[in-house]
């Protein structure tokens, strides 16, 4: 089986892509075709920070919509910025 490769929109180089689309939607297909595994891991870390900082509940429809908007910005827009109050954890 050949590895799925993509030209990553986030990292601007050809890298291994996701094993399958993350969602059963057009956006999921777009991510599968354009986002690398490395960039997806960056998104997952960023998304965890958003969930914590904004106290989002992924079970709530309006919070899901906010997460999807941030995801689209992260990969296909101007990029997503952390909340202005966010303080990154201290480096070890």
N, C-alpha and C. Protein backbone atom coordinates (compact mmCIF):
# COMPACT_ATOMS: atom_id res chain seq x y z
N UNK A 1 0.85 -1.20 0.00
CA UNK A 1 0.00 0.00 0.00
C UNK A 1 0.89 1.25 0.00
N UNK A 2 0.64 2.16 -0.89
CA UNK A 2 1.45 3.37 -0.96
C UNK A 2 0.98 4.40 0.05
N UNK A 3 1.92 5.16 0.54
CA UNK A 3 1.61 6.19 1.53
C UNK A 3 0.97 7.38 0.83
N UNK A 4 -0.08 7.89 1.44
CA UNK A 4 -0.79 9.06 0.92
C UNK A 4 0.07 10.30 1.15
N UNK A 5 0.51 10.96 0.07
CA UNK A 5 1.33 12.18 0.17
C UNK A 5 0.50 13.38 -0.27
N UNK A 6 0.75 14.51 0.38
CA UNK A 6 0.07 15.76 0.01
C UNK A 6 1.09 16.88 0.00
N UNK A 7 0.78 17.93 -0.77
CA UNK A 7 1.53 19.18 -0.62
C UNK A 7 0.78 19.96 0.45
N UNK A 8 1.35 20.02 1.62
CA UNK A 8 0.67 20.58 2.79
C UNK A 8 0.48 22.09 2.68
N UNK A 9 -0.78 22.55 2.81
CA UNK A 9 -1.08 23.98 2.73
C UNK A 9 -0.49 24.74 3.92
N UNK A 10 -0.31 24.07 5.04
CA UNK A 10 0.20 24.74 6.24
C UNK A 10 1.73 24.80 6.25
N UNK A 11 2.37 23.68 5.91
CA UNK A 11 3.83 23.59 6.02
C UNK A 11 4.55 23.82 4.69
N UNK A 12 3.77 23.95 3.60
CA UNK A 12 4.29 24.31 2.28
C UNK A 12 5.34 23.34 1.75
N UNK A 13 5.12 22.04 1.98
CA UNK A 13 5.99 21.03 1.38
C UNK A 13 5.26 19.70 1.31
N UNK A 14 5.79 18.80 0.49
CA UNK A 14 5.16 17.49 0.34
C UNK A 14 5.51 16.63 1.54
N UNK A 15 4.47 16.09 2.15
CA UNK A 15 4.62 15.28 3.36
C UNK A 15 3.56 14.18 3.37
N UNK A 16 3.73 13.19 4.25
CA UNK A 16 2.68 12.18 4.39
C UNK A 16 1.36 12.82 4.83
N UNK A 17 0.29 12.42 4.16
CA UNK A 17 -1.03 12.94 4.50
C UNK A 17 -1.72 12.06 5.53
N UNK A 18 -2.94 12.42 5.85
CA UNK A 18 -3.73 11.64 6.80
C UNK A 18 -4.11 10.30 6.18
N UNK A 19 -4.36 9.32 7.03
CA UNK A 19 -4.76 7.99 6.55
C UNK A 19 -6.17 7.98 5.97
N UNK A 20 -7.00 8.88 6.46
CA UNK A 20 -8.37 9.00 5.97
C UNK A 20 -8.89 10.40 6.30
N UNK A 21 -9.95 10.84 5.63
CA UNK A 21 -10.50 12.16 5.94
C UNK A 21 -10.96 12.21 7.41
N UNK A 22 -10.72 13.32 8.10
CA UNK A 22 -11.10 13.41 9.51
C UNK A 22 -12.61 13.54 9.72
N UNK A 23 -13.34 13.97 8.71
CA UNK A 23 -14.79 14.12 8.79
C UNK A 23 -15.41 13.63 7.49
N UNK A 24 -16.68 13.25 7.55
CA UNK A 24 -17.42 12.83 6.36
C UNK A 24 -18.11 14.03 5.72
N UNK A 25 -17.32 15.05 5.38
CA UNK A 25 -17.87 16.28 4.79
C UNK A 25 -16.91 16.74 3.70
N UNK A 26 -17.32 17.78 2.98
CA UNK A 26 -16.43 18.39 1.98
C UNK A 26 -15.16 18.91 2.66
N UNK A 27 -15.31 19.51 3.85
CA UNK A 27 -14.15 20.02 4.57
C UNK A 27 -13.20 18.87 4.93
N UNK A 28 -13.75 17.74 5.34
CA UNK A 28 -12.92 16.58 5.65
C UNK A 28 -12.12 16.12 4.44
N UNK A 29 -12.75 16.11 3.28
CA UNK A 29 -12.07 15.72 2.03
C UNK A 29 -10.98 16.74 1.68
N UNK A 30 -11.29 18.03 1.87
CA UNK A 30 -10.32 19.09 1.58
C UNK A 30 -9.09 18.95 2.49
N UNK A 31 -9.33 18.63 3.75
CA UNK A 31 -8.23 18.43 4.70
C UNK A 31 -7.41 17.21 4.27
N UNK A 32 -8.08 16.13 3.93
CA UNK A 32 -7.39 14.90 3.50
C UNK A 32 -6.50 15.17 2.29
N UNK A 33 -6.97 15.99 1.37
CA UNK A 33 -6.23 16.27 0.14
C UNK A 33 -5.12 17.31 0.30
N UNK A 34 -5.16 18.12 1.37
CA UNK A 34 -4.26 19.27 1.46
C UNK A 34 -3.48 19.43 2.76
N UNK A 35 -3.70 18.56 3.73
CA UNK A 35 -3.09 18.75 5.05
C UNK A 35 -2.26 17.51 5.41
N UNK A 36 -1.05 17.75 5.87
CA UNK A 36 -0.16 16.65 6.26
C UNK A 36 -0.47 16.18 7.68
N UNK A 37 0.06 15.01 7.99
CA UNK A 37 -0.08 14.48 9.35
C UNK A 37 0.56 15.44 10.35
N UNK A 38 1.73 15.99 10.01
CA UNK A 38 2.41 16.91 10.93
C UNK A 38 1.56 18.15 11.21
N UNK A 39 0.97 18.72 10.17
CA UNK A 39 0.13 19.91 10.35
C UNK A 39 -1.13 19.55 11.13
N UNK A 40 -1.68 18.36 10.89
CA UNK A 40 -2.88 17.94 11.63
C UNK A 40 -2.55 17.83 13.12
N UNK A 41 -1.37 17.32 13.47
CA UNK A 41 -0.97 17.24 14.88
C UNK A 41 -0.83 18.64 15.48
N UNK A 42 -0.32 19.59 14.68
CA UNK A 42 -0.25 20.98 15.15
C UNK A 42 -1.65 21.51 15.44
N UNK A 43 -2.59 21.20 14.53
CA UNK A 43 -3.97 21.63 14.73
C UNK A 43 -4.55 21.02 16.01
N UNK A 44 -4.31 19.73 16.24
CA UNK A 44 -4.86 19.07 17.41
C UNK A 44 -4.36 19.75 18.69
N UNK A 45 -3.09 20.10 18.73
CA UNK A 45 -2.55 20.81 19.90
C UNK A 45 -3.19 22.18 20.04
N UNK A 46 -3.33 22.89 18.91
CA UNK A 46 -3.95 24.22 18.92
C UNK A 46 -5.41 24.11 19.37
N UNK A 47 -6.11 23.10 18.88
CA UNK A 47 -7.52 22.90 19.21
C UNK A 47 -7.69 22.63 20.71
N UNK A 48 -6.80 21.82 21.29
CA UNK A 48 -6.86 21.56 22.74
C UNK A 48 -6.73 22.87 23.51
N UNK A 49 -5.80 23.72 23.06
CA UNK A 49 -5.62 25.02 23.72
C UNK A 49 -6.90 25.85 23.60
N UNK A 50 -7.52 25.86 22.41
CA UNK A 50 -8.77 26.62 22.23
C UNK A 50 -9.87 26.09 23.15
N UNK A 51 -10.01 24.76 23.20
CA UNK A 51 -11.03 24.16 24.06
C UNK A 51 -10.85 24.59 25.51
N UNK A 52 -9.61 24.59 25.96
CA UNK A 52 -9.32 24.95 27.35
C UNK A 52 -9.48 26.45 27.60
N UNK A 53 -8.89 27.26 26.73
CA UNK A 53 -8.91 28.71 26.94
C UNK A 53 -10.32 29.29 26.85
N UNK A 54 -11.10 28.83 25.89
CA UNK A 54 -12.45 29.35 25.71
C UNK A 54 -13.50 28.50 26.42
N UNK A 55 -13.04 27.44 27.08
CA UNK A 55 -13.94 26.51 27.79
C UNK A 55 -15.06 26.02 26.87
N UNK A 56 -14.64 25.58 25.69
CA UNK A 56 -15.60 25.09 24.70
C UNK A 56 -15.99 23.65 25.03
N UNK A 57 -17.22 23.32 24.69
CA UNK A 57 -17.73 21.97 24.88
C UNK A 57 -18.01 21.40 23.50
N UNK A 58 -17.22 20.40 23.04
CA UNK A 58 -17.40 19.88 21.69
C UNK A 58 -18.77 19.24 21.45
N UNK A 59 -19.53 19.00 22.50
CA UNK A 59 -20.87 18.43 22.33
C UNK A 59 -21.91 19.50 21.97
N UNK A 60 -21.58 20.76 22.21
CA UNK A 60 -22.52 21.86 21.90
C UNK A 60 -22.34 22.30 20.45
N UNK A 61 -23.47 22.43 19.75
CA UNK A 61 -23.44 22.77 18.33
C UNK A 61 -22.73 24.11 18.08
N UNK A 62 -23.01 25.13 18.87
CA UNK A 62 -22.37 26.43 18.64
C UNK A 62 -20.86 26.38 18.89
N UNK A 63 -20.43 25.54 19.84
CA UNK A 63 -18.99 25.38 20.08
C UNK A 63 -18.34 24.61 18.93
N UNK A 64 -19.04 23.63 18.40
CA UNK A 64 -18.53 22.89 17.24
C UNK A 64 -18.32 23.85 16.07
N UNK A 65 -19.29 24.74 15.87
CA UNK A 65 -19.18 25.71 14.76
C UNK A 65 -17.97 26.63 14.96
N UNK A 66 -17.73 27.04 16.20
CA UNK A 66 -16.57 27.90 16.49
C UNK A 66 -15.27 27.14 16.20
N UNK A 67 -15.22 25.87 16.56
CA UNK A 67 -14.03 25.05 16.32
C UNK A 67 -13.79 24.89 14.81
N UNK A 68 -14.85 24.63 14.06
CA UNK A 68 -14.71 24.46 12.61
C UNK A 68 -14.22 25.76 11.97
N UNK A 69 -14.73 26.91 12.42
CA UNK A 69 -14.27 28.20 11.90
C UNK A 69 -12.77 28.38 12.15
N UNK A 70 -12.34 28.05 13.36
CA UNK A 70 -10.92 28.16 13.70
C UNK A 70 -10.08 27.21 12.85
N UNK A 71 -10.59 25.99 12.63
CA UNK A 71 -9.89 25.00 11.81
C UNK A 71 -9.71 25.53 10.39
N UNK A 72 -10.77 26.09 9.82
CA UNK A 72 -10.68 26.62 8.46
C UNK A 72 -9.66 27.75 8.40
N UNK A 73 -9.65 28.62 9.40
CA UNK A 73 -8.66 29.70 9.44
C UNK A 73 -7.24 29.15 9.58
N UNK A 74 -7.09 28.14 10.43
CA UNK A 74 -5.78 27.55 10.72
C UNK A 74 -5.14 27.01 9.44
N UNK A 75 -5.92 26.31 8.62
CA UNK A 75 -5.37 25.68 7.42
C UNK A 75 -5.55 26.49 6.14
N UNK A 76 -6.70 27.11 5.97
CA UNK A 76 -7.04 27.68 4.67
C UNK A 76 -7.26 29.19 4.69
N UNK A 77 -7.16 29.82 5.85
CA UNK A 77 -7.37 31.26 5.96
C UNK A 77 -6.07 31.97 6.29
N UNK A 78 -6.21 32.99 7.08
CA UNK A 78 -5.06 33.80 7.48
C UNK A 78 -4.27 33.16 8.60
N UNK A 79 -4.73 32.01 9.06
CA UNK A 79 -4.11 31.39 10.23
C UNK A 79 -4.92 31.76 11.45
N UNK A 80 -4.89 30.92 12.44
CA UNK A 80 -5.65 31.18 13.66
C UNK A 80 -4.70 31.67 14.74
N UNK A 81 -5.12 32.66 15.47
CA UNK A 81 -4.29 33.20 16.54
C UNK A 81 -4.81 32.71 17.88
N UNK A 82 -3.91 32.48 18.83
CA UNK A 82 -4.38 32.10 20.15
C UNK A 82 -5.12 33.26 20.81
N UNK A 83 -5.97 32.97 21.79
CA UNK A 83 -6.66 34.05 22.50
C UNK A 83 -5.65 35.04 23.07
N UNK A 84 -6.01 36.31 23.13
CA UNK A 84 -5.04 37.31 23.59
C UNK A 84 -4.62 37.09 25.04
N UNK A 85 -5.45 36.42 25.83
CA UNK A 85 -5.12 36.15 27.23
C UNK A 85 -4.23 34.92 27.39
N UNK A 86 -4.01 34.17 26.32
CA UNK A 86 -3.28 32.89 26.40
C UNK A 86 -1.84 33.10 26.82
N UNK A 87 -1.40 32.31 27.80
CA UNK A 87 -0.01 32.30 28.23
C UNK A 87 0.52 30.88 27.98
N UNK A 88 1.48 30.74 27.05
CA UNK A 88 1.98 29.39 26.77
C UNK A 88 2.65 28.78 27.99
N UNK A 89 2.60 27.44 28.11
CA UNK A 89 3.26 26.81 29.24
C UNK A 89 4.76 27.05 29.19
N UNK A 90 5.39 27.10 30.34
CA UNK A 90 6.84 27.32 30.42
C UNK A 90 7.57 26.15 29.79
N UNK A 91 8.61 26.44 29.06
CA UNK A 91 9.43 25.39 28.43
C UNK A 91 10.22 24.67 29.51
N UNK A 92 10.36 23.36 29.35
CA UNK A 92 11.12 22.57 30.33
C UNK A 92 12.59 22.66 30.03
